């Protein structure tokens, strides 16, 4: 179990500006990730060191947005003006997670503009929708070299998450202490109007950048 990525949702009209803003602040490069046809969303991804990445995602004008929970979650944050949707934990075997949660994972996929098809299983987006402090889980399929964290940049990595939430509730959800899922990424517990991921700290060659 390890942190896989952090996801920032915005209206589709603002996705280009948000990609530019975060990319300029961090000094990294976003890659066009393509369309999630199943969910009615599209994304851009920025590789980070240590197998992580930043996703900027927006809802499209498509019926799938309201039909699928991931589309609903993205649209909800976008309609509120945009911000951090949440954080995502990767596992190598989804079976213990589905046993812990008592339900099956769903299938996801998207085709990048370069033609590479990414496939995964995911579970927990419905819970994120109703309790944004909780991460959801993903198990990637396909070739490891196609993971969105690659090619990894030098010196740009996820340093800390600012979370408004309850440590015990998140650890119960994970089935393990939250620290075990973060592998050295610091958690800064903070107060906010609503629970969820409040900000992300990215270490860069020029210092740490906080993105809220």
N, C-alpha and C. Protein backbone atom coordinates (compact mmCIF):
# COMPACT_ATOMS: atom_id res chain seq x y z
N UNK A 1 0.86 -1.19 0.00
CA UNK A 1 0.00 0.00 0.00
C UNK A 1 0.89 1.24 0.00
N UNK A 2 0.62 2.15 -0.92
CA UNK A 2 1.46 3.34 -1.04
C UNK A 2 0.64 4.45 -1.69
N UNK A 3 1.03 5.67 -1.44
CA UNK A 3 0.31 6.77 -2.08
C UNK A 3 0.65 6.77 -3.57
N UNK A 4 -0.39 6.93 -4.38
CA UNK A 4 -0.23 6.86 -5.83
C UNK A 4 -0.29 8.24 -6.47
N UNK A 5 -1.34 9.00 -6.15
CA UNK A 5 -1.43 10.34 -6.71
C UNK A 5 -2.38 11.20 -5.89
N UNK A 6 -2.32 12.49 -6.17
CA UNK A 6 -3.25 13.47 -5.61
C UNK A 6 -3.99 14.10 -6.77
N UNK A 7 -5.28 14.39 -6.56
CA UNK A 7 -6.14 14.79 -7.66
C UNK A 7 -6.77 16.15 -7.38
N UNK A 8 -6.65 17.06 -8.35
CA UNK A 8 -7.17 18.42 -8.25
C UNK A 8 -8.24 18.58 -9.32
N UNK A 9 -9.46 18.92 -8.93
CA UNK A 9 -10.58 19.03 -9.86
C UNK A 9 -10.93 20.48 -10.13
N UNK A 10 -11.21 20.79 -11.39
CA UNK A 10 -11.57 22.15 -11.78
C UNK A 10 -12.62 22.09 -12.89
N UNK A 11 -13.37 23.19 -13.10
CA UNK A 11 -14.23 23.25 -14.28
C UNK A 11 -13.41 23.10 -15.55
N UNK A 12 -14.02 22.57 -16.60
CA UNK A 12 -13.28 22.34 -17.84
C UNK A 12 -12.72 23.64 -18.41
N UNK A 13 -13.41 24.74 -18.20
CA UNK A 13 -12.95 26.03 -18.73
C UNK A 13 -11.66 26.50 -18.06
N UNK A 14 -11.31 25.90 -16.91
CA UNK A 14 -10.13 26.35 -16.16
C UNK A 14 -9.01 25.33 -16.14
N UNK A 15 -9.15 24.21 -16.85
CA UNK A 15 -8.14 23.17 -16.73
C UNK A 15 -6.78 23.62 -17.27
N UNK A 16 -6.77 24.35 -18.39
CA UNK A 16 -5.49 24.80 -18.96
C UNK A 16 -4.80 25.78 -18.03
N UNK A 17 -5.54 26.73 -17.45
CA UNK A 17 -4.94 27.69 -16.53
C UNK A 17 -4.41 27.02 -15.28
N UNK A 18 -5.13 26.01 -14.78
CA UNK A 18 -4.70 25.31 -13.56
C UNK A 18 -3.45 24.49 -13.82
N UNK A 19 -3.40 23.82 -14.94
CA UNK A 19 -2.20 23.06 -15.33
C UNK A 19 -1.00 24.00 -15.42
N UNK A 20 -1.20 25.17 -16.03
CA UNK A 20 -0.09 26.13 -16.15
C UNK A 20 0.33 26.64 -14.77
N UNK A 21 -0.64 26.96 -13.92
CA UNK A 21 -0.33 27.52 -12.60
C UNK A 21 0.46 26.53 -11.74
N UNK A 22 0.00 25.30 -11.67
CA UNK A 22 0.68 24.31 -10.83
C UNK A 22 2.02 23.93 -11.44
N UNK A 23 2.05 23.77 -12.75
CA UNK A 23 3.31 23.42 -13.41
C UNK A 23 4.37 24.48 -13.21
N UNK A 24 3.99 25.76 -13.32
CA UNK A 24 4.95 26.85 -13.14
C UNK A 24 5.42 26.93 -11.70
N UNK A 25 4.52 26.69 -10.74
CA UNK A 25 4.89 26.77 -9.32
C UNK A 25 5.87 25.68 -8.94
N UNK A 26 5.65 24.48 -9.47
CA UNK A 26 6.46 23.32 -9.09
C UNK A 26 7.70 23.19 -9.96
N UNK A 27 7.61 23.65 -11.20
CA UNK A 27 8.71 23.47 -12.13
C UNK A 27 8.67 22.12 -12.82
N UNK A 28 7.48 21.53 -12.88
CA UNK A 28 7.31 20.25 -13.55
C UNK A 28 6.51 20.41 -14.83
N UNK A 29 6.31 19.27 -15.51
CA UNK A 29 5.63 19.31 -16.80
C UNK A 29 4.42 18.38 -16.77
N UNK A 30 3.26 18.91 -17.12
CA UNK A 30 2.06 18.09 -17.23
C UNK A 30 2.00 17.43 -18.60
N UNK A 31 1.40 16.24 -18.61
CA UNK A 31 1.21 15.46 -19.83
C UNK A 31 -0.30 15.29 -20.04
N UNK A 32 -0.76 15.45 -21.25
CA UNK A 32 -2.17 15.25 -21.56
C UNK A 32 -2.52 13.79 -21.33
N UNK A 33 -3.39 13.54 -20.36
CA UNK A 33 -3.73 12.16 -20.00
C UNK A 33 -4.89 11.60 -20.79
N UNK A 34 -5.62 12.42 -21.52
CA UNK A 34 -6.73 11.91 -22.30
C UNK A 34 -8.05 11.94 -21.56
N UNK A 35 -9.01 11.23 -22.09
CA UNK A 35 -10.38 11.26 -21.60
C UNK A 35 -10.72 9.95 -20.90
N UNK A 36 -11.39 10.07 -19.73
CA UNK A 36 -11.99 8.91 -19.07
C UNK A 36 -13.41 8.78 -19.63
N UNK A 37 -13.56 8.03 -20.70
CA UNK A 37 -14.87 7.94 -21.36
C UNK A 37 -15.93 7.38 -20.43
N UNK A 38 -15.54 6.46 -19.55
CA UNK A 38 -16.50 5.83 -18.64
C UNK A 38 -17.06 6.84 -17.64
N UNK A 39 -16.24 7.84 -17.27
CA UNK A 39 -16.63 8.77 -16.21
C UNK A 39 -17.01 10.15 -16.72
N UNK A 40 -16.78 10.43 -18.00
CA UNK A 40 -17.09 11.75 -18.52
C UNK A 40 -16.14 12.83 -18.03
N UNK A 41 -14.86 12.48 -17.87
CA UNK A 41 -13.86 13.43 -17.40
C UNK A 41 -12.62 13.36 -18.28
N UNK A 42 -11.77 14.36 -18.14
CA UNK A 42 -10.46 14.31 -18.80
C UNK A 42 -9.41 14.82 -17.83
N UNK A 43 -8.14 14.44 -18.06
CA UNK A 43 -7.12 14.85 -17.11
C UNK A 43 -5.78 15.16 -17.77
N UNK A 44 -4.95 15.85 -16.97
CA UNK A 44 -3.53 16.04 -17.25
C UNK A 44 -2.78 15.52 -16.03
N UNK A 45 -1.61 14.94 -16.25
CA UNK A 45 -0.84 14.38 -15.13
C UNK A 45 0.59 14.90 -15.13
N UNK A 46 1.09 15.17 -13.93
CA UNK A 46 2.48 15.59 -13.76
C UNK A 46 3.24 14.51 -12.99
N UNK A 47 4.25 13.86 -13.60
CA UNK A 47 5.03 12.86 -12.88
C UNK A 47 5.82 13.49 -11.73
N UNK A 48 5.88 12.77 -10.62
CA UNK A 48 6.71 13.12 -9.49
C UNK A 48 7.63 11.94 -9.20
N UNK A 49 8.67 12.19 -8.41
CA UNK A 49 9.56 11.10 -8.00
C UNK A 49 8.83 10.14 -7.06
N UNK A 50 9.40 8.97 -6.90
CA UNK A 50 8.92 7.96 -5.94
C UNK A 50 7.56 7.38 -6.31
N UNK A 51 7.27 7.32 -7.60
CA UNK A 51 6.07 6.64 -8.04
C UNK A 51 4.77 7.37 -7.84
N UNK A 52 4.82 8.69 -7.64
CA UNK A 52 3.62 9.50 -7.43
C UNK A 52 3.40 10.43 -8.61
N UNK A 53 2.21 11.01 -8.66
CA UNK A 53 1.95 12.04 -9.65
C UNK A 53 0.80 12.94 -9.19
N UNK A 54 0.72 14.10 -9.82
CA UNK A 54 -0.39 15.04 -9.61
C UNK A 54 -1.32 14.91 -10.81
N UNK A 55 -2.60 14.83 -10.52
CA UNK A 55 -3.62 14.83 -11.57
C UNK A 55 -4.44 16.10 -11.48
N UNK A 56 -4.67 16.76 -12.63
CA UNK A 56 -5.66 17.81 -12.73
C UNK A 56 -6.77 17.27 -13.63
N UNK A 57 -7.99 17.25 -13.12
CA UNK A 57 -9.09 16.59 -13.81
C UNK A 57 -10.30 17.51 -13.87
N UNK A 58 -11.06 17.39 -14.94
CA UNK A 58 -12.25 18.23 -15.08
C UNK A 58 -13.40 17.40 -15.65
N UNK A 59 -14.65 17.79 -15.33
CA UNK A 59 -15.80 17.11 -15.92
C UNK A 59 -16.05 17.63 -17.33
N UNK A 60 -16.56 16.74 -18.18
CA UNK A 60 -16.96 17.12 -19.53
C UNK A 60 -18.48 17.24 -19.59
N UNK A 61 -18.96 17.81 -20.65
CA UNK A 61 -20.40 17.89 -20.88
C UNK A 61 -20.84 16.54 -21.46
N UNK A 62 -21.03 15.57 -20.56
CA UNK A 62 -21.28 14.19 -20.99
C UNK A 62 -22.16 13.51 -19.95
N UNK A 63 -23.11 12.67 -20.37
CA UNK A 63 -24.01 12.02 -19.42
C UNK A 63 -23.31 11.16 -18.38
N UNK A 64 -22.12 10.64 -18.70
CA UNK A 64 -21.41 9.78 -17.75
C UNK A 64 -21.02 10.52 -16.49
N UNK A 65 -20.90 11.84 -16.55
CA UNK A 65 -20.51 12.61 -15.37
C UNK A 65 -21.50 12.38 -14.23
N UNK A 66 -22.76 12.35 -14.54
CA UNK A 66 -23.78 12.17 -13.50
C UNK A 66 -24.11 10.70 -13.27
N UNK A 67 -23.70 9.83 -14.20
CA UNK A 67 -24.02 8.42 -14.07
C UNK A 67 -23.02 7.65 -13.23
N UNK A 68 -21.80 8.12 -13.13
CA UNK A 68 -20.73 7.41 -12.44
C UNK A 68 -20.23 8.24 -11.26
N UNK A 69 -19.87 7.56 -10.17
CA UNK A 69 -19.50 8.29 -8.95
C UNK A 69 -18.22 9.12 -9.12
N UNK A 70 -17.24 8.65 -9.91
CA UNK A 70 -16.04 9.47 -10.09
C UNK A 70 -16.39 10.78 -10.79
N UNK A 71 -17.21 10.69 -11.84
CA UNK A 71 -17.66 11.90 -12.50
C UNK A 71 -18.41 12.82 -11.56
N UNK A 72 -19.26 12.24 -10.72
CA UNK A 72 -20.01 13.04 -9.74
C UNK A 72 -19.07 13.75 -8.77
N UNK A 73 -18.04 13.02 -8.30
CA UNK A 73 -17.10 13.61 -7.33
C UNK A 73 -16.32 14.75 -7.97
N UNK A 74 -15.86 14.55 -9.22
CA UNK A 74 -15.13 15.61 -9.92
C UNK A 74 -16.03 16.81 -10.14
N UNK A 75 -17.25 16.56 -10.60
CA UNK A 75 -18.18 17.66 -10.88
C UNK A 75 -18.54 18.44 -9.62
N UNK A 76 -18.68 17.73 -8.50
CA UNK A 76 -19.02 18.41 -7.24
C UNK A 76 -17.95 19.42 -6.84
N UNK A 77 -16.68 19.02 -6.90
CA UNK A 77 -15.60 19.93 -6.55
C UNK A 77 -15.50 21.06 -7.57
N UNK A 78 -15.63 20.72 -8.85
CA UNK A 78 -15.54 21.74 -9.90
C UNK A 78 -16.65 22.78 -9.76
N UNK A 79 -17.85 22.32 -9.45
CA UNK A 79 -18.98 23.24 -9.30
C UNK A 79 -18.82 24.16 -8.10
N UNK A 80 -18.03 23.72 -7.12
CA UNK A 80 -17.76 24.56 -5.95
C UNK A 80 -16.59 25.51 -6.18
N UNK A 81 -16.07 25.55 -7.40
CA UNK A 81 -15.00 26.46 -7.74
C UNK A 81 -13.66 25.81 -7.98
N UNK A 82 -13.56 24.52 -7.69
CA UNK A 82 -12.32 23.79 -7.91
C UNK A 82 -11.48 23.67 -6.66
N UNK A 83 -10.63 22.66 -6.64
CA UNK A 83 -9.74 22.42 -5.51
C UNK A 83 -9.37 20.96 -5.44
N UNK A 84 -8.76 20.58 -4.32
CA UNK A 84 -8.30 19.20 -4.18
C UNK A 84 -9.48 18.25 -4.04
N UNK A 85 -9.54 17.29 -4.95
CA UNK A 85 -10.54 16.24 -4.89
C UNK A 85 -10.19 15.22 -3.82
N UNK A 86 -8.90 14.84 -3.76
CA UNK A 86 -8.50 13.86 -2.76
C UNK A 86 -7.16 13.22 -3.08
N UNK A 87 -6.86 12.18 -2.32
CA UNK A 87 -5.62 11.43 -2.50
C UNK A 87 -5.96 9.97 -2.72
N UNK A 88 -5.05 9.28 -3.41
CA UNK A 88 -5.34 7.94 -3.91
C UNK A 88 -4.20 7.00 -3.50
N UNK A 89 -4.58 5.82 -3.01
CA UNK A 89 -3.63 4.83 -2.53
C UNK A 89 -3.58 3.67 -3.52
N UNK A 90 -2.38 3.26 -3.92
CA UNK A 90 -2.20 2.13 -4.82
C UNK A 90 -1.91 0.86 -4.02
N UNK A 91 -2.45 -0.24 -4.49
CA UNK A 91 -2.17 -1.56 -3.91
C UNK A 91 -1.77 -2.50 -5.03
N UNK A 92 -1.01 -3.54 -4.68
CA UNK A 92 -0.61 -4.55 -5.66
C UNK A 92 -1.65 -5.64 -5.79
N UNK A 93 -2.49 -5.79 -4.77
CA UNK A 93 -3.53 -6.82 -4.76
C UNK A 93 -4.80 -6.20 -4.19
N UNK A 94 -5.83 -6.09 -5.00
CA UNK A 94 -7.07 -5.46 -4.55
C UNK A 94 -7.90 -6.37 -3.64
N UNK A 95 -7.65 -7.67 -3.67
CA UNK A 95 -8.52 -8.60 -2.94
C UNK A 95 -8.61 -8.32 -1.45
N UNK A 96 -7.50 -8.05 -0.74
CA UNK A 96 -7.64 -7.73 0.68
C UNK A 96 -8.46 -6.46 0.94
N UNK A 97 -8.40 -5.50 0.02
CA UNK A 97 -9.17 -4.27 0.18
C UNK A 97 -10.65 -4.54 -0.02
N UNK A 98 -11.00 -5.30 -1.05
CA UNK A 98 -12.41 -5.60 -1.28
C UNK A 98 -12.97 -6.44 -0.14
N UNK A 99 -12.15 -7.33 0.43
CA UNK A 99 -12.60 -8.12 1.57
C UNK A 99 -12.83 -7.22 2.79
N UNK A 100 -11.93 -6.25 2.99
CA UNK A 100 -12.04 -5.33 4.12
C UNK A 100 -13.28 -4.45 3.99
N UNK A 101 -13.57 -3.99 2.77
CA UNK A 101 -14.70 -3.08 2.55
C UNK A 101 -16.00 -3.82 2.27
N UNK A 102 -15.90 -5.09 1.93
CA UNK A 102 -17.10 -5.89 1.72
C UNK A 102 -17.82 -5.65 0.42
N UNK A 103 -17.09 -5.26 -0.62
CA UNK A 103 -17.70 -5.09 -1.94
C UNK A 103 -16.62 -5.17 -3.01
N UNK A 104 -17.05 -5.24 -4.26
CA UNK A 104 -16.13 -5.43 -5.37
C UNK A 104 -15.60 -4.10 -5.90
N UNK A 105 -14.44 -4.14 -6.52
CA UNK A 105 -13.88 -2.97 -7.19
C UNK A 105 -14.51 -2.81 -8.57
N UNK A 106 -14.43 -1.61 -9.13
CA UNK A 106 -14.89 -1.36 -10.49
C UNK A 106 -13.69 -1.20 -11.42
N UNK A 107 -13.94 -1.37 -12.71
CA UNK A 107 -12.88 -1.26 -13.71
C UNK A 107 -12.80 0.15 -14.26
N UNK A 108 -11.59 0.63 -14.51
CA UNK A 108 -11.38 1.93 -15.12
C UNK A 108 -10.38 1.84 -16.25
N UNK A 109 -10.46 2.78 -17.17
CA UNK A 109 -9.49 2.82 -18.27
C UNK A 109 -9.53 4.20 -18.91
N UNK A 110 -8.47 4.53 -19.59
CA UNK A 110 -8.43 5.71 -20.46
C UNK A 110 -7.36 5.49 -21.51
N UNK A 111 -7.52 6.14 -22.63
CA UNK A 111 -6.55 6.06 -23.71
C UNK A 111 -5.83 7.39 -23.82
N UNK A 112 -4.51 7.36 -23.64
CA UNK A 112 -3.74 8.59 -23.77
C UNK A 112 -3.67 9.03 -25.23
N UNK A 113 -3.37 10.31 -25.47
CA UNK A 113 -3.24 10.77 -26.85
C UNK A 113 -2.17 10.03 -27.66
N UNK A 114 -1.18 9.42 -26.96
CA UNK A 114 -0.16 8.65 -27.69
C UNK A 114 -0.62 7.23 -28.01
N UNK A 115 -1.87 6.89 -27.67
CA UNK A 115 -2.42 5.59 -27.99
C UNK A 115 -2.28 4.54 -26.91
N UNK A 116 -1.52 4.82 -25.85
CA UNK A 116 -1.36 3.87 -24.76
C UNK A 116 -2.66 3.80 -23.96
N UNK A 117 -3.14 2.58 -23.72
CA UNK A 117 -4.35 2.36 -22.94
C UNK A 117 -3.95 2.01 -21.50
N UNK A 118 -4.43 2.81 -20.55
CA UNK A 118 -4.18 2.55 -19.13
C UNK A 118 -5.43 1.90 -18.54
N UNK A 119 -5.23 0.84 -17.76
CA UNK A 119 -6.33 0.12 -17.14
C UNK A 119 -6.06 -0.06 -15.66
N UNK A 120 -7.12 -0.04 -14.87
CA UNK A 120 -6.97 -0.20 -13.44
C UNK A 120 -8.28 -0.68 -12.82
N UNK A 121 -8.19 -1.10 -11.57
CA UNK A 121 -9.36 -1.32 -10.74
C UNK A 121 -9.38 -0.24 -9.66
N UNK A 122 -10.56 0.17 -9.24
CA UNK A 122 -10.64 1.16 -8.17
C UNK A 122 -11.83 0.87 -7.27
N UNK A 123 -11.71 1.34 -6.04
CA UNK A 123 -12.78 1.17 -5.08
C UNK A 123 -12.70 2.31 -4.06
N UNK A 124 -13.85 2.80 -3.61
CA UNK A 124 -13.87 3.81 -2.57
C UNK A 124 -14.24 5.20 -3.03
N UNK A 125 -14.55 5.38 -4.33
CA UNK A 125 -14.88 6.72 -4.80
C UNK A 125 -16.22 7.19 -4.22
N UNK A 126 -17.16 6.27 -4.06
CA UNK A 126 -18.44 6.64 -3.45
C UNK A 126 -18.23 7.17 -2.04
N UNK A 127 -17.32 6.53 -1.30
CA UNK A 127 -17.03 6.95 0.07
C UNK A 127 -16.34 8.31 0.09
N UNK A 128 -15.41 8.54 -0.85
CA UNK A 128 -14.78 9.85 -1.01
C UNK A 128 -15.83 10.92 -1.29
N UNK A 129 -16.80 10.60 -2.12
CA UNK A 129 -17.85 11.56 -2.47
C UNK A 129 -18.59 12.04 -1.23
N UNK A 130 -18.80 11.14 -0.28
CA UNK A 130 -19.58 11.49 0.91
C UNK A 130 -18.70 11.88 2.10
N UNK A 131 -17.42 11.50 2.08
CA UNK A 131 -16.49 11.80 3.18
C UNK A 131 -15.12 12.09 2.58
N UNK A 132 -14.86 13.32 2.13
CA UNK A 132 -13.68 13.64 1.32
C UNK A 132 -12.33 13.46 2.00
N UNK A 133 -12.31 13.19 3.32
CA UNK A 133 -11.03 12.91 3.96
C UNK A 133 -10.49 11.55 3.55
N UNK A 134 -11.34 10.65 3.06
CA UNK A 134 -10.94 9.28 2.77
C UNK A 134 -10.31 9.17 1.39
N UNK A 135 -9.20 8.45 1.27
CA UNK A 135 -8.66 8.17 -0.06
C UNK A 135 -9.46 7.06 -0.72
N UNK A 136 -9.32 6.95 -2.03
CA UNK A 136 -9.80 5.72 -2.66
C UNK A 136 -8.60 4.89 -3.11
N UNK A 137 -8.87 3.65 -3.48
CA UNK A 137 -7.82 2.68 -3.77
C UNK A 137 -7.79 2.37 -5.26
N UNK A 138 -6.59 2.10 -5.77
CA UNK A 138 -6.42 1.74 -7.17
C UNK A 138 -5.39 0.62 -7.28
N UNK A 139 -5.64 -0.31 -8.18
CA UNK A 139 -4.65 -1.31 -8.58
C UNK A 139 -4.48 -1.20 -10.08
N UNK A 140 -3.26 -0.89 -10.50
CA UNK A 140 -2.99 -0.69 -11.91
C UNK A 140 -2.79 -2.02 -12.62
N UNK A 141 -3.26 -2.09 -13.87
CA UNK A 141 -2.96 -3.21 -14.75
C UNK A 141 -1.96 -2.77 -15.80
N UNK A 142 -1.66 -3.65 -16.72
CA UNK A 142 -0.77 -3.29 -17.82
C UNK A 142 0.68 -3.23 -17.40
N UNK A 143 1.47 -2.50 -18.17
CA UNK A 143 2.91 -2.44 -17.96
C UNK A 143 3.27 -1.33 -16.98
N UNK A 144 4.19 -1.62 -16.07
CA UNK A 144 4.58 -0.65 -15.04
C UNK A 144 5.19 0.60 -15.65
N UNK A 145 5.84 0.47 -16.80
CA UNK A 145 6.48 1.65 -17.41
C UNK A 145 5.46 2.63 -17.98
N UNK A 146 4.19 2.27 -18.01
CA UNK A 146 3.16 3.20 -18.47
C UNK A 146 2.52 3.98 -17.33
N UNK A 147 2.94 3.74 -16.09
CA UNK A 147 2.36 4.45 -14.95
C UNK A 147 2.55 5.95 -15.12
N UNK A 148 1.56 6.76 -14.74
CA UNK A 148 1.65 8.22 -14.95
C UNK A 148 2.77 8.92 -14.18
N UNK A 149 3.42 8.24 -13.26
CA UNK A 149 4.55 8.86 -12.56
C UNK A 149 5.83 8.84 -13.39
N UNK A 150 5.79 8.21 -14.55
CA UNK A 150 6.98 8.08 -15.39
C UNK A 150 6.80 8.90 -16.67
N UNK A 151 7.89 9.51 -17.15
CA UNK A 151 9.24 9.51 -16.60
C UNK A 151 9.36 10.41 -15.37
N UNK A 152 9.95 9.89 -14.31
CA UNK A 152 10.05 10.63 -13.05
C UNK A 152 11.08 11.75 -13.17
N UNK A 153 10.75 12.94 -12.69
CA UNK A 153 11.70 14.06 -12.72
C UNK A 153 12.70 13.94 -11.58
N UNK A 154 13.78 14.69 -11.68
CA UNK A 154 14.76 14.72 -10.61
C UNK A 154 14.40 15.84 -9.63
N UNK A 155 14.32 15.49 -8.34
CA UNK A 155 14.18 16.51 -7.31
C UNK A 155 12.81 17.10 -7.11
N UNK A 156 11.77 16.53 -7.74
CA UNK A 156 10.40 17.01 -7.53
C UNK A 156 9.58 15.86 -6.98
N UNK A 157 9.17 15.98 -5.72
CA UNK A 157 8.46 14.86 -5.10
C UNK A 157 7.44 15.35 -4.09
N UNK A 158 6.49 14.49 -3.80
CA UNK A 158 5.46 14.78 -2.82
C UNK A 158 6.08 14.74 -1.43
N UNK A 159 5.92 15.84 -0.68
CA UNK A 159 6.55 15.96 0.63
C UNK A 159 5.53 15.82 1.76
N UNK A 160 4.36 16.43 1.62
CA UNK A 160 3.38 16.41 2.71
C UNK A 160 1.98 16.63 2.17
N UNK A 161 1.01 16.09 2.90
CA UNK A 161 -0.40 16.34 2.66
C UNK A 161 -0.97 17.09 3.85
N UNK A 162 -1.71 18.14 3.60
CA UNK A 162 -2.49 18.79 4.65
C UNK A 162 -3.91 18.22 4.59
N UNK A 163 -4.32 17.58 5.66
CA UNK A 163 -5.62 16.92 5.69
C UNK A 163 -6.43 17.43 6.86
N UNK A 164 -7.67 17.78 6.59
CA UNK A 164 -8.64 18.04 7.64
C UNK A 164 -9.44 16.76 7.80
N UNK A 165 -9.26 16.09 8.93
CA UNK A 165 -9.92 14.82 9.12
C UNK A 165 -9.55 14.17 10.43
N UNK A 166 -9.89 12.91 10.54
CA UNK A 166 -9.69 12.15 11.76
C UNK A 166 -8.74 10.98 11.48
N UNK A 167 -7.59 10.99 12.16
CA UNK A 167 -6.58 9.96 11.93
C UNK A 167 -7.15 8.55 12.12
N UNK A 168 -7.91 8.35 13.19
CA UNK A 168 -8.44 7.02 13.47
C UNK A 168 -9.42 6.57 12.40
N UNK A 169 -10.26 7.49 11.92
CA UNK A 169 -11.23 7.14 10.88
C UNK A 169 -10.52 6.74 9.59
N UNK A 170 -9.48 7.49 9.21
CA UNK A 170 -8.76 7.18 7.98
C UNK A 170 -8.01 5.86 8.13
N UNK A 171 -7.38 5.64 9.28
CA UNK A 171 -6.65 4.39 9.50
C UNK A 171 -7.60 3.19 9.49
N UNK A 172 -8.78 3.37 10.07
CA UNK A 172 -9.79 2.30 10.04
C UNK A 172 -10.18 1.99 8.59
N UNK A 173 -10.36 3.02 7.80
CA UNK A 173 -10.72 2.87 6.40
C UNK A 173 -9.63 2.13 5.62
N UNK A 174 -8.38 2.49 5.89
CA UNK A 174 -7.26 1.86 5.21
C UNK A 174 -7.02 0.42 5.67
N UNK A 175 -7.46 0.12 6.89
CA UNK A 175 -7.15 -1.18 7.48
C UNK A 175 -5.73 -1.24 8.00
N UNK A 176 -5.11 -0.08 8.19
CA UNK A 176 -3.73 0.02 8.66
C UNK A 176 -3.48 1.47 9.05
N UNK A 177 -2.46 1.74 9.88
CA UNK A 177 -2.16 3.14 10.21
C UNK A 177 -1.91 3.97 8.95
N UNK A 178 -2.37 5.21 8.97
CA UNK A 178 -2.24 6.04 7.78
C UNK A 178 -0.80 6.17 7.33
N UNK A 179 0.14 6.16 8.27
CA UNK A 179 1.56 6.30 7.92
C UNK A 179 2.03 5.18 7.00
N UNK A 180 1.42 3.99 7.13
CA UNK A 180 1.86 2.86 6.31
C UNK A 180 1.53 3.06 4.84
N UNK A 181 0.54 3.89 4.55
CA UNK A 181 0.15 4.15 3.17
C UNK A 181 0.92 5.30 2.55
N UNK A 182 1.61 6.07 3.36
CA UNK A 182 2.23 7.30 2.86
C UNK A 182 3.73 7.18 2.64
N UNK A 183 4.37 6.16 3.23
CA UNK A 183 5.77 5.84 2.93
C UNK A 183 6.68 7.07 2.99
N UNK A 184 6.64 7.76 4.13
CA UNK A 184 7.53 8.89 4.32
C UNK A 184 6.93 10.24 3.98
N UNK A 185 5.80 10.26 3.32
CA UNK A 185 5.11 11.53 3.06
C UNK A 185 4.45 11.99 4.36
N UNK A 186 4.72 13.21 4.75
CA UNK A 186 4.23 13.74 6.03
C UNK A 186 2.75 14.08 5.94
N UNK A 187 2.04 13.88 7.05
CA UNK A 187 0.66 14.35 7.17
C UNK A 187 0.63 15.54 8.11
N UNK A 188 0.06 16.64 7.65
CA UNK A 188 -0.13 17.82 8.48
C UNK A 188 -1.63 17.93 8.75
N UNK A 189 -2.03 17.67 9.98
CA UNK A 189 -3.45 17.73 10.32
C UNK A 189 -3.84 19.18 10.55
N UNK A 190 -4.92 19.60 9.93
CA UNK A 190 -5.29 21.00 9.96
C UNK A 190 -6.80 21.14 10.09
N UNK A 191 -7.23 22.32 10.47
CA UNK A 191 -8.66 22.62 10.55
C UNK A 191 -9.10 23.32 9.26
N UNK A 192 -10.30 23.00 8.83
CA UNK A 192 -10.88 23.64 7.65
C UNK A 192 -12.39 23.59 7.78
N UNK A 193 -13.06 24.27 6.88
CA UNK A 193 -14.52 24.29 6.94
C UNK A 193 -15.12 22.92 6.67
N UNK A 194 -14.44 22.14 5.82
CA UNK A 194 -14.93 20.81 5.46
C UNK A 194 -13.77 19.82 5.53
N UNK A 195 -14.05 18.54 5.83
CA UNK A 195 -12.98 17.54 5.82
C UNK A 195 -12.48 17.29 4.40
N UNK A 196 -11.24 16.87 4.31
CA UNK A 196 -10.69 16.54 3.01
C UNK A 196 -9.23 16.95 2.88
N UNK A 197 -8.71 16.81 1.68
CA UNK A 197 -7.35 17.23 1.37
C UNK A 197 -7.35 18.73 1.16
N UNK A 198 -6.62 19.44 2.01
CA UNK A 198 -6.64 20.91 2.00
C UNK A 198 -5.53 21.48 1.12
N UNK A 199 -4.34 20.89 1.19
CA UNK A 199 -3.19 21.39 0.43
C UNK A 199 -2.17 20.28 0.28
N UNK A 200 -1.28 20.47 -0.68
CA UNK A 200 -0.21 19.51 -0.96
C UNK A 200 1.10 20.27 -0.98
N UNK A 201 2.12 19.71 -0.35
CA UNK A 201 3.46 20.30 -0.34
C UNK A 201 4.35 19.48 -1.26
N UNK A 202 4.98 20.15 -2.22
CA UNK A 202 5.85 19.50 -3.18
C UNK A 202 7.28 20.01 -2.98
N UNK A 203 8.21 19.09 -2.76
CA UNK A 203 9.63 19.45 -2.66
C UNK A 203 10.19 19.61 -4.06
N UNK A 204 10.88 20.74 -4.29
CA UNK A 204 11.50 21.02 -5.58
C UNK A 204 12.95 21.41 -5.36
N UNK A 205 13.76 21.46 -6.40
CA UNK A 205 15.15 21.91 -6.23
C UNK A 205 15.27 23.33 -5.69
N UNK A 206 14.18 24.09 -5.75
CA UNK A 206 14.22 25.49 -5.30
C UNK A 206 13.45 25.71 -4.01
N UNK A 207 13.11 24.63 -3.33
CA UNK A 207 12.38 24.74 -2.07
C UNK A 207 11.02 24.07 -2.16
N UNK A 208 10.31 24.08 -1.05
CA UNK A 208 9.01 23.43 -0.98
C UNK A 208 7.91 24.40 -1.45
N UNK A 209 7.00 23.88 -2.27
CA UNK A 209 5.88 24.65 -2.79
C UNK A 209 4.60 24.09 -2.19
N UNK A 210 3.77 24.98 -1.66
CA UNK A 210 2.47 24.57 -1.13
C UNK A 210 1.39 24.92 -2.15
N UNK A 211 0.58 23.94 -2.50
CA UNK A 211 -0.50 24.14 -3.47
C UNK A 211 -1.82 23.88 -2.77
N UNK A 212 -2.67 24.91 -2.70
CA UNK A 212 -3.98 24.74 -2.05
C UNK A 212 -5.10 24.90 -3.07
